[in-house]
Amino acid sequence: MIDSIATMIRAMQTLGIPVLFVEQLPDKLGAT
């Protein structure tokens, strides 16, 4: 699963999507 997350982050970086948004996701999932 870590590999898929890393791939997703890499894809988002390629698309220009802020990684900060991605870094906040684990906190939101953890809060749930």
PDB file of N, CA and C in Angstrom:
ATOM      1  N   MET A   1       0.841  -1.207   0.000  1.00  0.00           N
ATOM      2  CA  MET A   1       0.000   0.000   0.000  1.00  0.00           C
ATOM      3  C   MET A   1       0.871   1.250   0.000  1.00  0.00           C
ATOM      4  N   ILE A   2       2.031   1.145   0.673  1.00  0.00           N
ATOM      5  CA  ILE A   2       2.957   2.278   0.707  1.00  0.00           C
ATOM      6  C   ILE A   2       3.402   2.619  -0.712  1.00  0.00           C
ATOM      7  N   ASP A   3       3.636   1.586  -1.519  1.00  0.00           N
ATOM      8  CA  ASP A   3       4.087   1.817  -2.894  1.00  0.00           C
ATOM      9  C   ASP A   3       3.026   2.571  -3.689  1.00  0.00           C
ATOM     10  N   SER A   4       1.770   2.193  -3.503  1.00  0.00           N
ATOM     11  CA  SER A   4       0.698   2.849  -4.254  1.00  0.00           C
ATOM     12  C   SER A   4       0.561   4.306  -3.832  1.00  0.00           C
ATOM     13  N   ILE A   5       0.765   4.562  -2.526  1.00  0.00           N
ATOM     14  CA  ILE A   5       0.690   5.939  -2.030  1.00  0.00           C
ATOM     15  C   ILE A   5       1.820   6.762  -2.629  1.00  0.00           C
ATOM     16  N   ALA A   6       3.018   6.193  -2.646  1.00  0.00           N
ATOM     17  CA  ALA A   6       4.174   6.894  -3.204  1.00  0.00           C
ATOM     18  C   ALA A   6       3.939   7.180  -4.683  1.00  0.00           C
ATOM     19  N   THR A   7       3.355   6.220  -5.381  1.00  0.00           N
ATOM     20  CA  THR A   7       3.057   6.401  -6.805  1.00  0.00           C
ATOM     21  C   THR A   7       2.024   7.497  -6.996  1.00  0.00           C
ATOM     22  N   MET A   8       1.020   7.520  -6.123  1.00  0.00           N
ATOM     23  CA  MET A   8      -0.026   8.537  -6.221  1.00  0.00           C
ATOM     24  C   MET A   8       0.555   9.926  -5.989  1.00  0.00           C
ATOM     25  N   ILE A   9       1.435  10.031  -4.978  1.00  0.00           N
ATOM     26  CA  ILE A   9       2.071  11.320  -4.683  1.00  0.00           C
ATOM     27  C   ILE A   9       2.916  11.767  -5.864  1.00  0.00           C
ATOM     28  N   ARG A  10       3.652  10.810  -6.453  1.00  0.00           N
ATOM     29  CA  ARG A  10       4.506  11.144  -7.587  1.00  0.00           C
ATOM     30  C   ARG A  10       3.648  11.622  -8.758  1.00  0.00           C
ATOM     31  N   ALA A  11       2.520  10.974  -8.960  1.00  0.00           N
ATOM     32  CA  ALA A  11       1.617  11.360 -10.049  1.00  0.00           C
ATOM     33  C   ALA A  11       1.061  12.758  -9.804  1.00  0.00           C
ATOM     34  N   MET A  12       0.718  13.040  -8.544  1.00  0.00           N
ATOM     35  CA  MET A  12       0.175  14.356  -8.216  1.00  0.00           C
ATOM     36  C   MET A  12       1.223  15.435  -8.415  1.00  0.00           C
ATOM     37  N   GLN A  13       2.471  15.120  -8.061  1.00  0.00           N
ATOM     38  CA  GLN A  13       3.553  16.087  -8.268  1.00  0.00           C
ATOM     39  C   GLN A  13       3.706  16.370  -9.757  1.00  0.00           C
ATOM     40  N   THR A  14       3.562  15.327 -10.563  1.00  0.00           N
ATOM     41  CA  THR A  14       3.672  15.483 -12.010  1.00  0.00           C
ATOM     42  C   THR A  14       2.544  16.366 -12.534  1.00  0.00           C
ATOM     43  N   LEU A  15       1.366  16.209 -11.952  1.00  0.00           N
ATOM     44  CA  LEU A  15       0.212  17.001 -12.384  1.00  0.00           C
ATOM     45  C   LEU A  15       0.239  18.398 -11.789  1.00  0.00           C
ATOM     46  N   GLY A  16       1.110  18.590 -10.803  1.00  0.00           N
ATOM     47  CA  GLY A  16       1.229  19.911 -10.194  1.00  0.00           C
ATOM     48  C   GLY A  16       0.292  20.104  -9.011  1.00  0.00           C
ATOM     49  N   ILE A  17      -0.246  19.007  -8.499  1.00  0.00           N
ATOM     50  CA  ILE A  17      -1.128  19.108  -7.327  1.00  0.00           C
ATOM     51  C   ILE A  17      -0.268  19.245  -6.070  1.00  0.00           C
ATOM     52  N   PRO A  18      -0.568  20.217  -5.217  1.00  0.00           N
ATOM     53  CA  PRO A  18       0.219  20.446  -4.005  1.00  0.00           C
ATOM     54  C   PRO A  18       0.314  19.189  -3.153  1.00  0.00           C
ATOM     55  N   VAL A  19       1.549  18.839  -2.772  1.00  0.00           N
ATOM     56  CA  VAL A  19       1.766  17.644  -1.964  1.00  0.00           C
ATOM     57  C   VAL A  19       1.288  17.883  -0.529  1.00  0.00           C
ATOM     58  N   LEU A  20       1.249  19.145  -0.120  1.00  0.00           N
ATOM     59  CA  LEU A  20       0.772  19.457   1.229  1.00  0.00           C
ATOM     60  C   LEU A  20      -0.639  18.927   1.428  1.00  0.00           C
ATOM     61  N   PHE A  21      -1.435  18.990   0.376  1.00  0.00           N
ATOM     62  CA  PHE A  21      -2.797  18.468   0.442  1.00  0.00           C
ATOM     63  C   PHE A  21      -2.770  16.969   0.709  1.00  0.00           C
ATOM     64  N   VAL A  22      -1.832  16.282   0.067  1.00  0.00           N
ATOM     65  CA  VAL A  22      -1.708  14.831   0.225  1.00  0.00           C
ATOM     66  C   VAL A  22      -1.213  14.495   1.625  1.00  0.00           C
ATOM     67  N   GLU A  23      -0.311  15.335   2.142  1.00  0.00           N
ATOM     68  CA  GLU A  23       0.263  15.063   3.453  1.00  0.00           C
ATOM     69  C   GLU A  23      -0.770  15.228   4.562  1.00  0.00           C
ATOM     70  N   GLN A  24      -1.828  15.986   4.288  1.00  0.00           N
ATOM     71  CA  GLN A  24      -2.871  16.197   5.291  1.00  0.00           C
ATOM     72  C   GLN A  24      -3.863  15.036   5.333  1.00  0.00           C
ATOM     73  N   LEU A  25      -3.915  14.250   4.262  1.00  0.00           N
ATOM     74  CA  LEU A  25      -4.880  13.153   4.193  1.00  0.00           C
ATOM     75  C   LEU A  25      -4.715  12.132   5.317  1.00  0.00           C
ATOM     76  N   PRO A  26      -3.498  11.664   5.620  1.00  0.00           N
ATOM     77  CA  PRO A  26      -3.329  10.678   6.699  1.00  0.00           C
ATOM     78  C   PRO A  26      -3.887  11.181   8.021  1.00  0.00           C
ATOM     79  N   ASP A  27      -3.729  12.466   8.305  1.00  0.00           N
ATOM     80  CA  ASP A  27      -4.246  13.030   9.551  1.00  0.00           C
ATOM     81  C   ASP A  27      -5.772  12.966   9.570  1.00  0.00           C
ATOM     82  N   LYS A  28      -6.389  13.266   8.433  1.00  0.00           N
ATOM     83  CA  LYS A  28      -7.852  13.243   8.355  1.00  0.00           C
ATOM     84  C   LYS A  28      -8.359  11.806   8.459  1.00  0.00           C
ATOM     85  N   LEU A  29      -7.654  10.879   7.828  1.00  0.00           N
ATOM     86  CA  LEU A  29      -8.050   9.474   7.898  1.00  0.00           C
ATOM     87  C   LEU A  29      -7.844   8.947   9.308  1.00  0.00           C
ATOM     88  N   GLY A  30      -6.784   9.399   9.959  1.00  0.00           N
ATOM     89  CA  GLY A  30      -6.481   8.960  11.321  1.00  0.00           C
ATOM     90  C   GLY A  30      -7.502   9.499  12.308  1.00  0.00           C
ATOM     91  N   ALA A  31      -7.989  10.711  12.033  1.00  0.00           N
ATOM     92  CA  ALA A  31      -8.975  11.328  12.917  1.00  0.00           C
ATOM     93  C   ALA A  31     -10.296  10.567  12.837  1.00  0.00           C
ATOM     94  N   THR A  32     -10.522   9.930  11.693  1.00  0.00           N
ATOM     95  CA  THR A  32     -11.741   9.150  11.518  1.00  0.00           C
ATOM     96  C   THR A  32     -11.605   7.834  12.279  1.00  0.00           C
TER      97      THR A  32
END
